[in-house]
Amino acid sequence: MLFGEIVAGGGIGLLLGTLLGLSASPLVQGVVVAITALLGALLGFKTSEGTGQTWRIGAFGLLGTAGVLLGLAVRSGSLLAPSVRSEVAAWRAAGYSQQDALTFVAYHRLGIKPAQFVVAEAPEAKEQSNALFADTTRSLCGTIALVASPEQKLAIVRKFPAYAALAEAAASTPDPGATLAQELKCGN
């Protein structure tokens, strides 16, 4: 009976402590704290007669603290992250040279950009359905409406090969932004 109480409280304490230590987001930590409070109520963390419940509460607290420390060690030590060697091997398997693979991994992990490389912006995402809100992501019209500069609008439209000729034609007009909006039928 006593061993069962220790395992019951300690197991849940270790689980919640580890989750709390692994989480970097304050929102997740708040949720874990709320779950801990609810489990405390469900486990009956109230004063009563008997030593079984005292052992359960003690094991919960002790192993919860150990779980937090374990979670922090795993997160800060990147123990669950792929090793540098495996990341380099993945880049090599993709066809890059050893030097390029090492450079990419250094850039990804440390933010060190070698002088011979130029970092470009990621291409604009294609319009796709968002299942969470049953909506579509920002369209090209919505994207160009967010910027004020006609040069920026042209640069955005040039990213789409299908609209490159349109962007070039609009560049020669007095108001390229309005021309783009009219030709793309934005706002209709």
C-alpha atoms as a PDB file:
ATOM      1  CA  MET A   1       0.000   0.000   0.000  1.00  0.00           C
ATOM      2  CA  LEU A   2       2.762   2.428   0.928  1.00  0.00           C
ATOM      3  CA  PHE A   3       4.780   1.573  -2.201  1.00  0.00           C
ATOM      4  CA  GLY A   4       1.677   2.103  -4.343  1.00  0.00           C
ATOM      5  CA  GLU A   5       1.147   5.555  -2.869  1.00  0.00           C
ATOM      6  CA  ILE A   6       4.762   6.520  -3.579  1.00  0.00           C
ATOM      7  CA  VAL A   7       4.548   5.258  -7.172  1.00  0.00           C
ATOM      8  CA  ALA A   8       1.206   7.011  -7.774  1.00  0.00           C
ATOM      9  CA  GLY A   9       2.337  10.412  -6.566  1.00  0.00           C
ATOM     10  CA  GLY A  10       5.910  10.119  -7.816  1.00  0.00           C
ATOM     11  CA  GLY A  11       4.992   8.952 -11.301  1.00  0.00           C
ATOM     12  CA  ILE A  12       2.657  11.848 -11.925  1.00  0.00           C
ATOM     13  CA  GLY A  13       5.108  14.284 -10.347  1.00  0.00           C
ATOM     14  CA  LEU A  14       7.939  13.029 -12.547  1.00  0.00           C
ATOM     15  CA  LEU A  15       5.777  13.222 -15.669  1.00  0.00           C
ATOM     16  CA  LEU A  16       4.540  16.758 -15.026  1.00  0.00           C
ATOM     17  CA  GLY A  17       7.940  17.984 -13.862  1.00  0.00           C
ATOM     18  CA  THR A  18       9.603  16.659 -17.010  1.00  0.00           C
ATOM     19  CA  LEU A  19       6.961  18.263 -19.229  1.00  0.00           C
ATOM     20  CA  LEU A  20       7.379  21.547 -17.387  1.00  0.00           C
ATOM     21  CA  GLY A  21      11.176  21.398 -17.748  1.00  0.00           C
ATOM     22  CA  LEU A  22      11.007  20.544 -21.453  1.00  0.00           C
ATOM     23  CA  SER A  23       8.575  23.310 -22.346  1.00  0.00           C
ATOM     24  CA  ALA A  24      10.044  26.624 -23.426  1.00  0.00           C
ATOM     25  CA  SER A  25       6.726  28.388 -23.896  1.00  0.00           C
ATOM     26  CA  PRO A  26       5.182  30.197 -20.922  1.00  0.00           C
ATOM     27  CA  LEU A  27       1.761  29.186 -22.237  1.00  0.00           C
ATOM     28  CA  VAL A  28       2.650  25.485 -22.079  1.00  0.00           C
ATOM     29  CA  GLN A  29       4.121  25.947 -18.632  1.00  0.00           C
ATOM     30  CA  GLY A  30       0.884  27.597 -17.491  1.00  0.00           C
ATOM     31  CA  VAL A  31      -1.128  24.681 -18.849  1.00  0.00           C
ATOM     32  CA  VAL A  32       1.133  22.173 -17.089  1.00  0.00           C
ATOM     33  CA  VAL A  33       0.756  24.072 -13.808  1.00  0.00           C
ATOM     34  CA  ALA A  34      -3.035  24.030 -14.226  1.00  0.00           C
ATOM     35  CA  ILE A  35      -2.964  20.283 -14.924  1.00  0.00           C
ATOM     36  CA  THR A  36      -0.808  19.800 -11.836  1.00  0.00           C
ATOM     37  CA  ALA A  37      -3.365  21.653  -9.717  1.00  0.00           C
ATOM     38  CA  LEU A  38      -6.194  19.557 -11.138  1.00  0.00           C
ATOM     39  CA  LEU A  39      -4.286  16.342 -10.534  1.00  0.00           C
ATOM     40  CA  GLY A  40      -3.583  17.489  -7.025  1.00  0.00           C
ATOM     41  CA  ALA A  41      -7.295  17.802  -6.441  1.00  0.00           C
ATOM     42  CA  LEU A  42      -7.997  14.448  -8.097  1.00  0.00           C
ATOM     43  CA  LEU A  43      -5.302  12.665  -6.133  1.00  0.00           C
ATOM     44  CA  GLY A  44      -6.754  14.039  -2.961  1.00  0.00           C
ATOM     45  CA  PHE A  45      -3.955  16.333  -1.833  1.00  0.00           C
ATOM     46  CA  LYS A  46      -5.890  17.376   1.186  1.00  0.00           C
ATOM     47  CA  THR A  47      -5.084  16.781   4.765  1.00  0.00           C
ATOM     48  CA  SER A  48      -6.388  13.513   6.096  1.00  0.00           C
ATOM     49  CA  GLU A  49      -5.499  10.773   8.488  1.00  0.00           C
ATOM     50  CA  GLY A  50      -2.897   8.219   7.423  1.00  0.00           C
ATOM     51  CA  THR A  51       0.646   8.123   6.185  1.00  0.00           C
ATOM     52  CA  GLY A  52      -0.139   6.789   2.682  1.00  0.00           C
ATOM     53  CA  GLN A  53      -1.332  10.114   1.446  1.00  0.00           C
ATOM     54  CA  THR A  54       1.633  11.867   3.017  1.00  0.00           C
ATOM     55  CA  TRP A  55       4.006   9.595   1.088  1.00  0.00           C
ATOM     56  CA  ARG A  56       2.061  10.253  -2.121  1.00  0.00           C
ATOM     57  CA  ILE A  57       2.357  14.019  -1.682  1.00  0.00           C
ATOM     58  CA  GLY A  58       6.038  13.777  -0.765  1.00  0.00           C
ATOM     59  CA  ALA A  59       6.835  11.582  -3.768  1.00  0.00           C
ATOM     60  CA  PHE A  60       4.899  13.928  -6.052  1.00  0.00           C
ATOM     61  CA  GLY A  61       6.895  16.952  -4.882  1.00  0.00           C
ATOM     62  CA  LEU A  62      10.286  15.240  -4.836  1.00  0.00           C
ATOM     63  CA  LEU A  63       9.961  13.522  -8.194  1.00  0.00           C
ATOM     64  CA  GLY A  64       8.244  16.582  -9.681  1.00  0.00           C
ATOM     65  CA  THR A  65      11.346  18.619  -8.825  1.00  0.00           C
ATOM     66  CA  ALA A  66      13.577  15.890 -10.246  1.00  0.00           C
ATOM     67  CA  GLY A  67      11.441  15.920 -13.401  1.00  0.00           C
ATOM     68  CA  VAL A  68      11.862  19.678 -13.817  1.00  0.00           C
ATOM     69  CA  LEU A  69      15.630  19.304 -13.499  1.00  0.00           C
ATOM     70  CA  LEU A  70      15.626  16.399 -15.973  1.00  0.00           C
ATOM     71  CA  GLY A  71      13.531  18.345 -18.468  1.00  0.00           C
ATOM     72  CA  LEU A  72      15.774  21.406 -18.212  1.00  0.00           C
ATOM     73  CA  ALA A  73      18.887  19.261 -18.702  1.00  0.00           C
ATOM     74  CA  VAL A  74      17.401  17.596 -21.787  1.00  0.00           C
ATOM     75  CA  ARG A  75      16.226  20.898 -23.276  1.00  0.00           C
ATOM     76  CA  SER A  76      19.312  23.000 -22.551  1.00  0.00           C
ATOM     77  CA  GLY A  77      21.709  20.211 -23.524  1.00  0.00           C
ATOM     78  CA  SER A  78      19.814  19.483 -26.777  1.00  0.00           C
ATOM     79  CA  LEU A  79      19.848  15.804 -25.877  1.00  0.00           C
ATOM     80  CA  LEU A  80      16.875  15.055 -28.149  1.00  0.00           C
ATOM     81  CA  ALA A  81      18.164  17.141 -31.078  1.00  0.00           C
ATOM     82  CA  PRO A  82      19.989  15.490 -33.980  1.00  0.00           C
ATOM     83  CA  SER A  83      23.755  15.533 -33.689  1.00  0.00           C
ATOM     84  CA  VAL A  84      25.936  17.790 -35.818  1.00  0.00           C
ATOM     85  CA  ARG A  85      27.331  14.687 -37.503  1.00  0.00           C
ATOM     86  CA  SER A  86      23.859  13.462 -38.510  1.00  0.00           C
ATOM     87  CA  GLU A  87      22.878  16.914 -39.831  1.00  0.00           C
ATOM     88  CA  VAL A  88      26.056  17.075 -41.930  1.00  0.00           C
ATOM     89  CA  ALA A  89      25.362  13.549 -43.197  1.00  0.00           C
ATOM     90  CA  ALA A  90      21.841  14.603 -44.213  1.00  0.00           C
ATOM     91  CA  TRP A  91      23.206  17.539 -46.217  1.00  0.00           C
ATOM     92  CA  ARG A  92      25.808  15.239 -47.783  1.00  0.00           C
ATOM     93  CA  ALA A  93      23.068  12.744 -48.696  1.00  0.00           C
ATOM     94  CA  ALA A  94      21.227  15.609 -50.397  1.00  0.00           C
ATOM     95  CA  GLY A  95      24.228  16.066 -52.697  1.00  0.00           C
ATOM     96  CA  TYR A  96      26.193  18.893 -51.086  1.00  0.00           C
ATOM     97  CA  SER A  97      29.959  18.864 -50.542  1.00  0.00           C
ATOM     98  CA  GLN A  98      31.413  18.264 -47.094  1.00  0.00           C
ATOM     99  CA  GLN A  99      32.419  21.930 -46.791  1.00  0.00           C
ATOM    100  CA  ASP A 100      28.972  23.189 -47.850  1.00  0.00           C
ATOM    101  CA  ALA A 101      27.286  20.769 -45.455  1.00  0.00           C
ATOM    102  CA  LEU A 102      29.436  22.003 -42.562  1.00  0.00           C
ATOM    103  CA  THR A 103      28.695  25.596 -43.550  1.00  0.00           C
ATOM    104  CA  PHE A 104      24.934  25.009 -43.640  1.00  0.00           C
ATOM    105  CA  VAL A 105      24.942  23.302 -40.256  1.00  0.00           C
ATOM    106  CA  ALA A 106      27.042  26.094 -38.716  1.00  0.00           C
ATOM    107  CA  TYR A 107      24.670  28.683 -40.140  1.00  0.00           C
ATOM    108  CA  HIS A 108      21.617  26.791 -38.863  1.00  0.00           C
ATOM    109  CA  ARG A 109      22.977  26.127 -35.375  1.00  0.00           C
ATOM    110  CA  LEU A 110      25.109  29.184 -34.688  1.00  0.00           C
ATOM    111  CA  GLY A 111      23.910  31.833 -37.135  1.00  0.00           C
ATOM    112  CA  ILE A 112      27.386  32.148 -38.652  1.00  0.00           C
ATOM    113  CA  LYS A 113      27.073  33.188 -42.308  1.00  0.00           C
ATOM    114  CA  PRO A 114      30.214  32.689 -44.376  1.00  0.00           C
ATOM    115  CA  ALA A 115      31.238  35.686 -46.483  1.00  0.00           C
ATOM    116  CA  GLN A 116      30.913  33.820 -49.793  1.00  0.00           C
ATOM    117  CA  PHE A 117      27.213  33.029 -49.242  1.00  0.00           C
ATOM    118  CA  VAL A 118      24.278  35.355 -49.742  1.00  0.00           C
ATOM    119  CA  VAL A 119      21.171  34.788 -47.647  1.00  0.00           C
ATOM    120  CA  ALA A 120      18.026  35.343 -49.689  1.00  0.00           C
ATOM    121  CA  GLU A 121      14.450  35.645 -48.544  1.00  0.00           C
ATOM    122  CA  ALA A 122      12.335  32.531 -48.684  1.00  0.00           C
ATOM    123  CA  PRO A 123       9.914  32.418 -51.600  1.00  0.00           C
ATOM    124  CA  GLU A 124       6.370  33.560 -51.008  1.00  0.00           C
ATOM    125  CA  ALA A 125       4.116  30.734 -49.876  1.00  0.00           C
ATOM    126  CA  LYS A 126       1.487  29.618 -52.329  1.00  0.00           C
ATOM    127  CA  GLU A 127      -2.129  30.203 -51.420  1.00  0.00           C
ATOM    128  CA  GLN A 128      -3.420  27.202 -49.539  1.00  0.00           C
ATOM    129  CA  SER A 129      -6.277  26.227 -47.309  1.00  0.00           C
ATOM    130  CA  ASN A 130      -5.934  26.679 -43.593  1.00  0.00           C
ATOM    131  CA  ALA A 131      -7.908  23.855 -42.008  1.00  0.00           C
ATOM    132  CA  LEU A 132      -7.942  25.472 -38.583  1.00  0.00           C
ATOM    133  CA  PHE A 133      -9.948  28.484 -39.742  1.00  0.00           C
ATOM    134  CA  ALA A 134     -11.318  27.124 -43.059  1.00  0.00           C
ATOM    135  CA  ASP A 135      -9.783  30.104 -44.773  1.00  0.00           C
ATOM    136  CA  THR A 136      -7.021  30.720 -47.280  1.00  0.00           C
ATOM    137  CA  THR A 137      -3.688  32.256 -46.549  1.00  0.00           C
ATOM    138  CA  ARG A 138      -2.869  35.723 -47.756  1.00  0.00           C
ATOM    139  CA  SER A 139      -3.312  36.094 -51.498  1.00  0.00           C
ATOM    140  CA  LEU A 140      -1.024  38.047 -53.793  1.00  0.00           C
ATOM    141  CA  CYS A 141      -3.445  40.989 -53.647  1.00  0.00           C
ATOM    142  CA  GLY A 142      -3.453  40.870 -49.853  1.00  0.00           C
ATOM    143  CA  THR A 143       0.334  40.743 -49.796  1.00  0.00           C
ATOM    144  CA  ILE A 144       0.906  43.731 -52.059  1.00  0.00           C
ATOM    145  CA  ALA A 145      -1.747  45.708 -50.190  1.00  0.00           C
ATOM    146  CA  LEU A 146       0.416  45.487 -47.052  1.00  0.00           C
ATOM    147  CA  VAL A 147       3.322  47.445 -48.533  1.00  0.00           C
ATOM    148  CA  ALA A 148       3.255  51.108 -49.483  1.00  0.00           C
ATOM    149  CA  SER A 149       6.249  51.403 -51.797  1.00  0.00           C
ATOM    150  CA  PRO A 150       5.606  50.718 -55.510  1.00  0.00           C
ATOM    151  CA  GLU A 151       9.114  49.223 -55.733  1.00  0.00           C
ATOM    152  CA  GLN A 152       8.281  46.726 -53.000  1.00  0.00           C
ATOM    153  CA  LYS A 153       5.012  45.834 -54.709  1.00  0.00           C
ATOM    154  CA  LEU A 154       6.887  45.186 -57.950  1.00  0.00           C
ATOM    155  CA  ALA A 155       9.479  43.084 -56.124  1.00  0.00           C
ATOM    156  CA  ILE A 156       6.765  40.937 -54.558  1.00  0.00           C
ATOM    157  CA  VAL A 157       4.964  40.376 -57.857  1.00  0.00           C
ATOM    158  CA  ARG A 158       8.257  39.558 -59.618  1.00  0.00           C
ATOM    159  CA  LYS A 159       8.699  36.582 -57.253  1.00  0.00           C
ATOM    160  CA  PHE A 160       5.854  34.836 -59.070  1.00  0.00           C
ATOM    161  CA  PRO A 161       7.049  33.681 -62.510  1.00  0.00           C
ATOM    162  CA  ALA A 162       3.521  33.848 -63.919  1.00  0.00           C
ATOM    163  CA  TYR A 163       3.339  37.579 -63.131  1.00  0.00           C
ATOM    164  CA  ALA A 164       6.896  38.637 -64.054  1.00  0.00           C
ATOM    165  CA  ALA A 165       5.809  40.145 -67.397  1.00  0.00           C
ATOM    166  CA  LEU A 166       2.980  42.001 -65.653  1.00  0.00           C
ATOM    167  CA  ALA A 167       5.433  43.454 -63.132  1.00  0.00           C
ATOM    168  CA  GLU A 168       7.736  44.616 -65.923  1.00  0.00           C
ATOM    169  CA  ALA A 169       4.839  46.235 -67.783  1.00  0.00           C
ATOM    170  CA  ALA A 170       3.577  47.926 -64.597  1.00  0.00           C
ATOM    171  CA  ALA A 171       7.055  49.284 -63.839  1.00  0.00           C
ATOM    172  CA  SER A 172       6.874  51.568 -66.853  1.00  0.00           C
ATOM    173  CA  THR A 173       3.568  53.168 -65.778  1.00  0.00           C
ATOM    174  CA  PRO A 174       3.258  56.312 -63.635  1.00  0.00           C
ATOM    175  CA  ASP A 175       1.593  54.392 -60.755  1.00  0.00           C
ATOM    176  CA  PRO A 176       2.908  50.791 -60.740  1.00  0.00           C
ATOM    177  CA  GLY A 177       1.001  49.871 -57.555  1.00  0.00           C
ATOM    178  CA  ALA A 178      -2.380  50.886 -58.970  1.00  0.00           C
ATOM    179  CA  THR A 179      -1.577  49.200 -62.286  1.00  0.00           C
ATOM    180  CA  LEU A 180      -0.722  45.948 -60.503  1.00  0.00           C
ATOM    181  CA  ALA A 181      -3.901  46.093 -58.411  1.00  0.00           C
ATOM    182  CA  GLN A 182      -5.993  46.767 -61.504  1.00  0.00           C
ATOM    183  CA  GLU A 183      -4.379  44.024 -63.618  1.00  0.00           C
ATOM    184  CA  LEU A 184      -4.549  41.463 -60.798  1.00  0.00           C
ATOM    185  CA  LYS A 185      -8.192  42.480 -60.203  1.00  0.00           C
ATOM    186  CA  CYS A 186      -7.526  43.232 -56.553  1.00  0.00           C
ATOM    187  CA  GLY A 187     -10.522  44.555 -54.664  1.00  0.00           C
ATOM    188  CA  ASN A 188     -13.105  43.248 -57.152  1.00  0.00           C
END
